[in-house]
Amino acid sequence: MARKTSKSASKDVKRAMHKRKEGTLKSGRSGKTVKSRKQAIAIGLSEARQKGKKVAPKKRSKK
């Protein structure tokens, strides 16, 4: 079965996680420091999507 996320996208997430651990990862508009592990992953995936890398689409809420 094929990977849903490319290896290069995984590197973006790894970089975001590392920056979070250092305390230098900032969120988008507010610019506040990110402390949440989940938020760091979301930022890494978002950056990978913007670069056009292979990443699974965002999960949608069920109505």
N, C-alpha and C. Protein backbone atom coordinates (compact mmCIF):
# COMPACT_ATOMS: atom_id res chain seq x y z
N MET A 1 0.83 -1.19 0.00
CA MET A 1 0.00 0.00 0.00
C MET A 1 0.88 1.26 0.00
N ALA A 2 0.47 2.27 -0.76
CA ALA A 2 1.26 3.49 -0.89
C ALA A 2 1.17 4.36 0.36
N ARG A 3 2.22 5.14 0.56
CA ARG A 3 2.25 6.07 1.69
C ARG A 3 1.25 7.21 1.45
N LYS A 4 0.56 7.64 2.52
CA LYS A 4 -0.35 8.78 2.39
C LYS A 4 0.40 10.10 2.49
N THR A 5 1.57 10.05 3.11
CA THR A 5 2.38 11.25 3.30
C THR A 5 3.79 10.98 2.77
N SER A 6 4.32 11.93 2.01
CA SER A 6 5.67 11.74 1.45
C SER A 6 6.72 11.86 2.55
N LYS A 7 7.89 11.31 2.27
CA LYS A 7 8.98 11.38 3.24
C LYS A 7 9.43 12.81 3.46
N SER A 8 9.40 13.62 2.40
CA SER A 8 9.81 15.01 2.55
C SER A 8 8.82 15.80 3.39
N ALA A 9 7.52 15.43 3.33
CA ALA A 9 6.52 16.08 4.19
C ALA A 9 6.76 15.68 5.64
N SER A 10 7.20 14.45 5.86
CA SER A 10 7.51 14.00 7.21
C SER A 10 8.67 14.80 7.79
N LYS A 11 9.61 15.19 6.94
CA LYS A 11 10.73 16.01 7.39
C LYS A 11 10.25 17.39 7.84
N ASP A 12 9.24 17.93 7.15
CA ASP A 12 8.68 19.23 7.55
C ASP A 12 8.04 19.13 8.93
N VAL A 13 7.35 18.03 9.18
CA VAL A 13 6.71 17.83 10.49
C VAL A 13 7.79 17.66 11.56
N LYS A 14 8.84 16.91 11.23
CA LYS A 14 9.93 16.69 12.18
C LYS A 14 10.60 18.02 12.54
N ARG A 15 10.79 18.89 11.54
CA ARG A 15 11.39 20.20 11.77
C ARG A 15 10.50 21.04 12.69
N ALA A 16 9.18 21.00 12.46
CA ALA A 16 8.24 21.76 13.30
C ALA A 16 8.26 21.25 14.74
N MET A 17 8.34 19.93 14.90
CA MET A 17 8.39 19.34 16.24
C MET A 17 9.67 19.77 16.96
N HIS A 18 10.77 19.83 16.22
CA HIS A 18 12.05 20.23 16.81
C HIS A 18 12.00 21.69 17.26
N LYS A 19 11.42 22.55 16.40
CA LYS A 19 11.30 23.96 16.75
C LYS A 19 10.39 24.15 17.97
N ARG A 20 9.35 23.32 18.08
CA ARG A 20 8.46 23.40 19.25
C ARG A 20 9.23 23.06 20.52
N LYS A 21 10.07 22.04 20.43
CA LYS A 21 10.84 21.60 21.59
C LYS A 21 11.84 22.69 22.02
N GLU A 22 12.38 23.39 21.04
CA GLU A 22 13.30 24.50 21.34
C GLU A 22 12.56 25.71 21.89
N GLY A 23 11.24 25.79 21.58
CA GLY A 23 10.44 26.93 22.02
C GLY A 23 10.44 28.07 21.04
N THR A 24 10.76 27.79 19.77
CA THR A 24 10.82 28.85 18.76
C THR A 24 9.71 28.74 17.71
N LEU A 25 8.83 27.75 17.84
CA LEU A 25 7.75 27.58 16.86
C LEU A 25 6.61 28.54 17.20
N LYS A 26 6.21 29.35 16.21
CA LYS A 26 5.15 30.34 16.41
C LYS A 26 3.93 29.95 15.58
N SER A 27 2.74 30.29 16.09
CA SER A 27 1.51 30.02 15.35
C SER A 27 1.30 31.12 14.31
N GLY A 28 0.40 30.88 13.40
CA GLY A 28 0.17 31.75 12.25
C GLY A 28 -0.05 33.22 12.52
N ARG A 29 -1.30 33.63 12.72
CA ARG A 29 -1.61 35.06 12.81
C ARG A 29 -1.18 35.68 14.13
N SER A 30 -1.46 34.99 15.23
CA SER A 30 -1.19 35.60 16.53
C SER A 30 0.30 35.66 16.84
N GLY A 31 1.06 34.70 16.32
CA GLY A 31 2.50 34.68 16.55
C GLY A 31 2.89 34.20 17.94
N LYS A 32 1.92 33.57 18.64
CA LYS A 32 2.22 33.04 19.98
C LYS A 32 3.04 31.77 19.86
N THR A 33 3.81 31.48 20.91
CA THR A 33 4.63 30.27 20.93
C THR A 33 3.75 29.04 21.07
N VAL A 34 4.02 28.03 20.24
CA VAL A 34 3.24 26.79 20.24
C VAL A 34 3.79 25.86 21.31
N LYS A 35 2.92 25.35 22.17
CA LYS A 35 3.33 24.40 23.20
C LYS A 35 2.74 23.02 22.96
N SER A 36 1.65 22.95 22.20
CA SER A 36 0.94 21.70 21.97
C SER A 36 1.62 20.86 20.90
N ARG A 37 1.75 19.56 21.17
CA ARG A 37 2.34 18.62 20.22
C ARG A 37 1.46 18.51 18.97
N LYS A 38 0.14 18.43 19.17
CA LYS A 38 -0.80 18.30 18.05
C LYS A 38 -0.74 19.53 17.14
N GLN A 39 -0.63 20.70 17.74
CA GLN A 39 -0.59 21.92 16.96
C GLN A 39 0.70 21.99 16.14
N ALA A 40 1.80 21.51 16.70
CA ALA A 40 3.07 21.49 15.98
C ALA A 40 2.97 20.58 14.76
N ILE A 41 2.34 19.43 14.91
CA ILE A 41 2.14 18.51 13.79
C ILE A 41 1.29 19.17 12.72
N ALA A 42 0.22 19.84 13.13
CA ALA A 42 -0.68 20.51 12.19
C ALA A 42 0.06 21.60 11.41
N ILE A 43 0.93 22.34 12.07
CA ILE A 43 1.70 23.38 11.40
C ILE A 43 2.66 22.76 10.39
N GLY A 44 3.32 21.68 10.75
CA GLY A 44 4.23 20.98 9.84
C GLY A 44 3.52 20.46 8.60
N LEU A 45 2.35 19.87 8.79
CA LEU A 45 1.58 19.35 7.66
C LEU A 45 1.08 20.49 6.78
N SER A 46 0.66 21.58 7.40
CA SER A 46 0.18 22.73 6.65
C SER A 46 1.28 23.32 5.77
N GLU A 47 2.49 23.43 6.32
CA GLU A 47 3.62 23.94 5.54
C GLU A 47 3.95 23.01 4.38
N ALA A 48 3.85 21.70 4.62
CA ALA A 48 4.11 20.74 3.55
C ALA A 48 3.07 20.87 2.44
N ARG A 49 1.81 21.07 2.81
CA ARG A 49 0.76 21.26 1.80
C ARG A 49 1.02 22.50 0.97
N GLN A 50 1.46 23.59 1.61
CA GLN A 50 1.74 24.83 0.89
C GLN A 50 2.87 24.65 -0.11
N LYS A 51 3.82 23.77 0.20
CA LYS A 51 4.95 23.50 -0.70
C LYS A 51 4.56 22.52 -1.81
N GLY A 52 3.33 21.95 -1.72
CA GLY A 52 2.85 21.04 -2.76
C GLY A 52 3.28 19.61 -2.58
N LYS A 53 3.68 19.23 -1.37
CA LYS A 53 4.10 17.86 -1.12
C LYS A 53 2.89 16.95 -0.91
N LYS A 54 3.12 15.64 -1.02
CA LYS A 54 2.03 14.68 -0.92
C LYS A 54 1.64 14.49 0.55
N VAL A 55 0.47 15.01 0.91
CA VAL A 55 -0.05 14.92 2.27
C VAL A 55 -1.54 14.61 2.17
N ALA A 56 -2.04 13.79 3.08
CA ALA A 56 -3.46 13.48 3.10
C ALA A 56 -4.26 14.77 3.31
N PRO A 57 -5.47 14.87 2.75
CA PRO A 57 -6.25 16.10 2.91
C PRO A 57 -6.68 16.31 4.37
N LYS A 58 -7.02 17.55 4.70
CA LYS A 58 -7.47 17.89 6.05
C LYS A 58 -8.71 17.08 6.39
N LYS A 59 -8.82 16.67 7.67
CA LYS A 59 -10.01 15.94 8.10
C LYS A 59 -11.16 16.91 8.27
N ARG A 60 -12.33 16.53 7.81
CA ARG A 60 -13.54 17.36 7.91
C ARG A 60 -14.42 16.87 9.03
N SER A 61 -15.13 17.77 9.66
CA SER A 61 -16.05 17.34 10.72
C SER A 61 -17.33 16.81 10.08
N LYS A 62 -17.94 15.84 10.74
CA LYS A 62 -19.18 15.24 10.22
C LYS A 62 -20.36 16.04 10.73
N LYS A 63 -21.31 16.31 9.84
CA LYS A 63 -22.50 17.05 10.24
C LYS A 63 -23.73 16.17 10.14
